[in-house]
């Protein structure tokens, strides 16, 4: 069974028209979710909670797309490589 993990995170942006965080150390990690539907629900709740702040934005990252076990890793991906 393939896992399709999703990360929901967000925070204050430098500008509403860019995706650069004002303070990366203050990024709010909502959580990791086992499927897109539950990640979407968490994202929507946070987005609605902060709807009045144009500088705050939340995102869904598709963690399962970051790592394909069938693809050979580059030397920089391995510790000590």
C-alpha atoms as a PDB file:
ATOM      1  CA  UNK A   1       0.000   0.000   0.000  1.00  0.00           C
ATOM      2  CA  UNK A   2       1.390   3.388  -1.018  1.00  0.00           C
ATOM      3  CA  UNK A   3       1.316   6.154   1.555  1.00  0.00           C
ATOM      4  CA  UNK A   4       0.503   9.605   0.278  1.00  0.00           C
ATOM      5  CA  UNK A   5       1.569  11.840   3.148  1.00  0.00           C
ATOM      6  CA  UNK A   6       0.812  15.567   3.137  1.00  0.00           C
ATOM      7  CA  UNK A   7       2.243  18.345   5.290  1.00  0.00           C
ATOM      8  CA  UNK A   8       0.140  21.401   6.151  1.00  0.00           C
ATOM      9  CA  UNK A   9       2.071  24.494   7.216  1.00  0.00           C
ATOM     10  CA  UNK A  10       1.887  28.249   7.018  1.00  0.00           C
ATOM     11  CA  UNK A  11       2.749  31.582   8.475  1.00  0.00           C
ATOM     12  CA  UNK A  12       3.263  35.243   7.823  1.00  0.00           C
ATOM     13  CA  UNK A  13       4.599  36.145   4.393  1.00  0.00           C
ATOM     14  CA  UNK A  14       6.817  39.089   3.466  1.00  0.00           C
ATOM     15  CA  UNK A  15       4.193  40.167   0.927  1.00  0.00           C
ATOM     16  CA  UNK A  16       0.787  38.716  -0.013  1.00  0.00           C
ATOM     17  CA  UNK A  17       1.899  38.324  -3.627  1.00  0.00           C
ATOM     18  CA  UNK A  18       4.980  36.215  -2.813  1.00  0.00           C
ATOM     19  CA  UNK A  19       5.549  32.907  -1.042  1.00  0.00           C
ATOM     20  CA  UNK A  20       8.498  34.026   1.097  1.00  0.00           C
ATOM     21  CA  UNK A  21       8.020  33.686   4.845  1.00  0.00           C
ATOM     22  CA  UNK A  22       8.771  36.748   6.977  1.00  0.00           C
ATOM     23  CA  UNK A  23      10.274  34.579   9.744  1.00  0.00           C
ATOM     24  CA  UNK A  24      10.922  30.947   8.755  1.00  0.00           C
ATOM     25  CA  UNK A  25      11.546  30.032  12.399  1.00  0.00           C
ATOM     26  CA  UNK A  26       7.934  30.983  13.169  1.00  0.00           C
ATOM     27  CA  UNK A  27       6.318  28.739  10.541  1.00  0.00           C
ATOM     28  CA  UNK A  28       3.247  27.039  11.986  1.00  0.00           C
ATOM     29  CA  UNK A  29       3.336  23.311  11.257  1.00  0.00           C
ATOM     30  CA  UNK A  30      -0.261  22.132  11.426  1.00  0.00           C
ATOM     31  CA  UNK A  31       0.654  18.489  10.920  1.00  0.00           C
ATOM     32  CA  UNK A  32       1.275  15.557   8.612  1.00  0.00           C
ATOM     33  CA  UNK A  33      -1.794  13.835   7.211  1.00  0.00           C
ATOM     34  CA  UNK A  34      -2.262  10.393   5.638  1.00  0.00           C
ATOM     35  CA  UNK A  35      -4.295  11.593   2.666  1.00  0.00           C
ATOM     36  CA  UNK A  36      -5.114  14.717   0.708  1.00  0.00           C
ATOM     37  CA  UNK A  37      -8.687  14.972   2.009  1.00  0.00           C
ATOM     38  CA  UNK A  38      -7.653  15.238   5.658  1.00  0.00           C
ATOM     39  CA  UNK A  39      -4.798  17.615   4.753  1.00  0.00           C
ATOM     40  CA  UNK A  40      -7.232  19.771   2.798  1.00  0.00           C
ATOM     41  CA  UNK A  41      -9.621  19.922   5.755  1.00  0.00           C
ATOM     42  CA  UNK A  42      -6.789  21.017   8.077  1.00  0.00           C
ATOM     43  CA  UNK A  43      -5.554  23.561   5.520  1.00  0.00           C
ATOM     44  CA  UNK A  44      -9.061  24.961   5.068  1.00  0.00           C
ATOM     45  CA  UNK A  45      -9.577  25.334   8.826  1.00  0.00           C
ATOM     46  CA  UNK A  46      -6.311  27.276   9.226  1.00  0.00           C
ATOM     47  CA  UNK A  47      -6.947  29.371   6.108  1.00  0.00           C
ATOM     48  CA  UNK A  48     -10.417  30.317   7.361  1.00  0.00           C
ATOM     49  CA  UNK A  49      -9.067  31.066  10.843  1.00  0.00           C
ATOM     50  CA  UNK A  50      -6.593  33.558   9.371  1.00  0.00           C
ATOM     51  CA  UNK A  51      -8.747  34.901   6.526  1.00  0.00           C
ATOM     52  CA  UNK A  52      -8.559  38.493   7.797  1.00  0.00           C
ATOM     53  CA  UNK A  53      -4.746  38.551   7.651  1.00  0.00           C
ATOM     54  CA  UNK A  54      -3.660  38.932   4.018  1.00  0.00           C
ATOM     55  CA  UNK A  55      -0.034  38.245   4.954  1.00  0.00           C
ATOM     56  CA  UNK A  56      -0.737  34.838   6.479  1.00  0.00           C
ATOM     57  CA  UNK A  57      -1.022  31.875   4.166  1.00  0.00           C
ATOM     58  CA  UNK A  58      -1.150  28.100   4.563  1.00  0.00           C
ATOM     59  CA  UNK A  59       0.084  25.451   2.156  1.00  0.00           C
ATOM     60  CA  UNK A  60      -0.220  21.719   1.519  1.00  0.00           C
ATOM     61  CA  UNK A  61       3.048  19.975   0.638  1.00  0.00           C
ATOM     62  CA  UNK A  62       2.815  16.584  -1.035  1.00  0.00           C
ATOM     63  CA  UNK A  63       5.499  14.748   0.928  1.00  0.00           C
ATOM     64  CA  UNK A  64       5.061  11.604  -1.139  1.00  0.00           C
ATOM     65  CA  UNK A  65       6.311  13.545  -4.184  1.00  0.00           C
ATOM     66  CA  UNK A  66       9.550  14.538  -2.466  1.00  0.00           C
ATOM     67  CA  UNK A  67      10.969  11.058  -2.324  1.00  0.00           C
ATOM     68  CA  UNK A  68      10.604   8.352  -4.925  1.00  0.00           C
ATOM     69  CA  UNK A  69      12.235   5.213  -3.558  1.00  0.00           C
ATOM     70  CA  UNK A  70      12.617   3.808  -7.085  1.00  0.00           C
ATOM     71  CA  UNK A  71      14.910   6.687  -8.087  1.00  0.00           C
ATOM     72  CA  UNK A  72      18.591   6.478  -7.205  1.00  0.00           C
ATOM     73  CA  UNK A  73      19.631   9.096  -4.663  1.00  0.00           C
ATOM     74  CA  UNK A  74      22.180  11.783  -5.323  1.00  0.00           C
ATOM     75  CA  UNK A  75      25.331  11.751  -3.153  1.00  0.00           C
ATOM     76  CA  UNK A  76      24.194  14.906  -1.340  1.00  0.00           C
ATOM     77  CA  UNK A  77      21.045  13.158  -0.108  1.00  0.00           C
ATOM     78  CA  UNK A  78      22.963  10.626   1.940  1.00  0.00           C
ATOM     79  CA  UNK A  79      24.748  11.570   5.158  1.00  0.00           C
ATOM     80  CA  UNK A  80      28.483  11.353   4.719  1.00  0.00           C
ATOM     81  CA  UNK A  81      28.062  11.041   0.928  1.00  0.00           C
END
